[in-house]
Amino acid sequence: MSSFGDLLGPQPVLLPELIDAEDAIAAGTDPVKVAADHPAASIAWATLAEAALDRSSGEADYDTVAAYAFARTGYHRGLDLLRRNGWKGFGPVPWSHEPNQGFLRSVGALARAAKTIGESEEYARCLDLLEDCDPRAAAELGLD
C-alpha cells in the first residue's frame, strides 16, 4: 500500500538527494552559483524564484517575470528527474521527502508568479499538480 492510502495507485516517488546542491543552498551559497554549477537541481531554481518573488512589487514587474522563468526552469528540471525515477506524470511526490521539495517549491513559485501576472489557467494547473503530488504541499508553500 502506498503511504497515500491508494492500494491500486503508484508508489510515491522519492527523488535522490542532490547533496552538493542541497548542501550549498543550506550553507547560504549564492543560488545563482548553485544553479550554474548544478543546473539540474530544482532546489537552486526554486530558491532563485522565491527570492525574486520576495523582491517583486506584487505586480507584473521584472522580478515577477524573472521568478516565473526561474520557477519554470526548476519545474522542468524536476519533471526530468521525476521521470528518470519512475514517475509517469501522476502519482504521489511527497513533500515530506526533502529531495522532492525543490520540485514542489518550483511549482509553488510558478503558481505565485503566474497568479501575479494574471495567468489564471497556469495558476490553477500548478495548484492541481501540487494537490496531485501531495495534498499537503500547497499549504506547506502558503498557497490555499
Protein backbone atom coordinates (compact mmCIF):
# COMPACT_ATOMS: atom_id res chain seq x y z
CA MET A 1 0.00 0.00 0.00
CA SER A 2 1.29 3.45 -0.82
CA SER A 3 1.77 5.90 2.00
CA PHE A 4 -1.04 7.93 0.44
CA GLY A 5 -3.56 5.14 1.06
CA ASP A 6 -4.27 4.04 -2.52
CA LEU A 7 -3.71 0.31 -2.93
CA LEU A 8 -4.01 0.49 -6.71
CA GLY A 9 -2.12 3.73 -7.27
CA PRO A 10 1.56 4.15 -7.96
CA GLN A 11 4.06 4.18 -5.14
CA PRO A 12 5.33 7.62 -4.09
CA VAL A 13 8.36 8.89 -5.99
CA LEU A 14 11.27 9.70 -3.72
CA LEU A 15 13.84 11.70 -5.65
CA PRO A 16 17.51 11.09 -4.94
CA GLU A 17 19.43 13.60 -2.92
CA LEU A 18 21.47 16.12 -4.89
CA ILE A 19 23.78 16.54 -1.94
CA ASP A 20 26.20 19.10 -3.38
CA ALA A 21 23.43 21.47 -4.48
CA GLU A 22 21.29 20.93 -1.38
CA ASP A 23 24.27 21.47 0.95
CA ALA A 24 25.33 24.60 -0.95
CA ILE A 25 21.84 26.12 -0.68
CA ALA A 26 21.63 25.18 3.02
CA ALA A 27 25.04 26.80 3.60
CA GLY A 28 23.84 30.07 2.06
CA THR A 29 25.83 29.85 -1.16
CA ASP A 30 24.57 32.28 -3.79
CA PRO A 31 21.80 30.36 -5.59
CA VAL A 32 23.00 31.81 -8.92
CA LYS A 33 26.27 29.95 -8.42
CA VAL A 34 24.45 26.80 -7.30
CA ALA A 35 22.17 26.90 -10.36
CA ALA A 36 25.17 27.42 -12.65
CA ASP A 37 27.12 24.60 -11.01
CA HIS A 38 24.11 22.25 -10.71
CA PRO A 39 21.57 23.22 -13.40
CA ALA A 40 19.55 20.03 -12.88
CA ALA A 41 18.90 20.87 -9.21
CA SER A 42 15.37 22.24 -8.84
CA ILE A 43 16.23 23.47 -5.35
CA ALA A 44 18.53 26.14 -6.82
CA TRP A 45 15.89 27.34 -9.27
CA ALA A 46 13.20 27.34 -6.57
CA THR A 47 15.44 29.43 -4.32
CA LEU A 48 16.07 31.92 -7.13
CA ALA A 49 12.34 32.10 -7.93
CA GLU A 50 11.35 32.63 -4.31
CA ALA A 51 13.96 35.38 -3.86
CA ALA A 52 12.72 37.14 -7.00
CA LEU A 53 9.13 36.91 -5.74
CA ASP A 54 10.24 38.37 -2.41
CA ARG A 55 11.76 41.35 -4.29
CA SER A 56 8.71 41.76 -6.52
CA SER A 57 6.31 44.65 -6.07
CA GLY A 58 3.43 42.18 -6.27
CA GLU A 59 2.67 43.25 -9.81
CA ALA A 60 3.91 42.19 -13.22
CA ASP A 61 7.39 43.62 -12.80
CA TYR A 62 10.88 42.43 -13.77
CA ASP A 63 11.28 40.33 -10.62
CA THR A 64 7.93 38.61 -11.10
CA VAL A 65 8.80 37.68 -14.68
CA ALA A 66 12.26 36.51 -13.57
CA ALA A 67 10.62 34.42 -10.83
CA TYR A 68 8.32 32.88 -13.42
CA ALA A 69 11.29 31.92 -15.59
CA PHE A 70 13.34 30.55 -12.68
CA ALA A 71 10.36 28.58 -11.38
CA ARG A 72 9.55 27.16 -14.82
CA THR A 73 13.16 26.01 -15.16
CA GLY A 74 13.04 24.32 -11.75
CA TYR A 75 9.71 22.74 -12.63
CA HIS A 76 11.01 21.30 -15.91
CA ARG A 77 14.30 20.10 -14.42
CA GLY A 78 12.26 18.46 -11.66
CA LEU A 79 9.97 16.76 -14.19
CA ASP A 80 13.03 15.35 -15.93
CA LEU A 81 14.33 13.92 -12.66
CA LEU A 82 10.91 12.60 -11.63
CA ARG A 83 10.53 10.77 -14.95
CA ARG A 84 14.02 9.28 -14.65
CA ASN A 85 12.91 7.96 -11.25
CA GLY A 86 9.74 6.23 -12.45
CA TRP A 87 7.08 8.96 -12.30
CA LYS A 88 4.57 8.59 -15.14
CA GLY A 89 3.03 12.06 -14.92
CA PHE A 90 0.80 11.25 -11.97
CA GLY A 91 1.04 9.85 -8.50
CA PRO A 92 2.46 10.88 -5.17
CA VAL A 93 5.53 13.09 -4.83
CA PRO A 94 5.58 13.53 -1.04
CA TRP A 95 6.52 16.89 0.45
CA SER A 96 7.91 15.07 3.50
CA HIS A 97 10.78 13.68 1.39
CA GLU A 98 13.18 16.64 1.37
CA PRO A 99 14.73 15.98 -2.08
CA ASN A 100 11.21 16.36 -3.56
CA GLN A 101 10.87 19.86 -2.13
CA GLY A 102 12.94 21.60 -4.83
CA PHE A 103 10.47 20.46 -7.47
CA LEU A 104 7.42 21.20 -5.33
CA ARG A 105 8.77 24.62 -4.33
CA SER A 106 9.35 25.39 -8.02
CA VAL A 107 5.73 24.52 -8.79
CA GLY A 108 4.59 26.71 -5.90
CA ALA A 109 6.71 29.65 -7.05
CA LEU A 110 5.43 29.18 -10.59
CA ALA A 111 1.88 29.31 -9.25
CA ARG A 112 2.56 32.55 -7.35
CA ALA A 113 4.27 34.20 -10.33
CA ALA A 114 1.54 33.05 -12.74
CA LYS A 115 -1.15 34.46 -10.47
CA THR A 116 0.67 37.79 -10.22
CA ILE A 117 0.94 38.20 -14.00
CA GLY A 118 -2.69 37.20 -14.46
CA GLU A 119 -2.11 33.75 -15.93
CA SER A 120 -5.02 32.15 -14.08
CA GLU A 121 -5.03 28.89 -16.06
CA GLU A 122 -1.35 28.25 -15.24
CA TYR A 123 -2.02 29.11 -11.59
CA ALA A 124 -4.86 26.55 -11.48
CA ARG A 125 -2.73 23.89 -13.23
CA CYS A 126 0.05 24.40 -10.67
CA LEU A 127 -2.38 24.07 -7.76
CA ASP A 128 -3.83 20.91 -9.31
CA LEU A 129 -0.34 19.46 -9.76
CA LEU A 130 0.57 20.21 -6.16
CA GLU A 131 -2.67 18.58 -5.00
CA ASP A 132 -1.96 15.51 -7.13
CA CYS A 133 1.62 15.26 -5.87
CA ASP A 134 0.83 15.77 -2.19
CA PRO A 135 -2.35 17.29 -0.78
CA ARG A 136 -0.26 18.95 1.95
CA ALA A 137 2.17 20.68 -0.41
CA ALA A 138 0.12 23.79 -1.20
CA ALA A 139 -0.41 24.53 2.48
CA GLU A 140 3.31 23.99 3.18
CA LEU A 141 4.01 26.57 0.47
CA GLY A 142 1.46 29.06 1.74
CA LEU A 143 -0.90 28.51 -1.18
CA ASP A 144 -4.52 27.91 -0.34
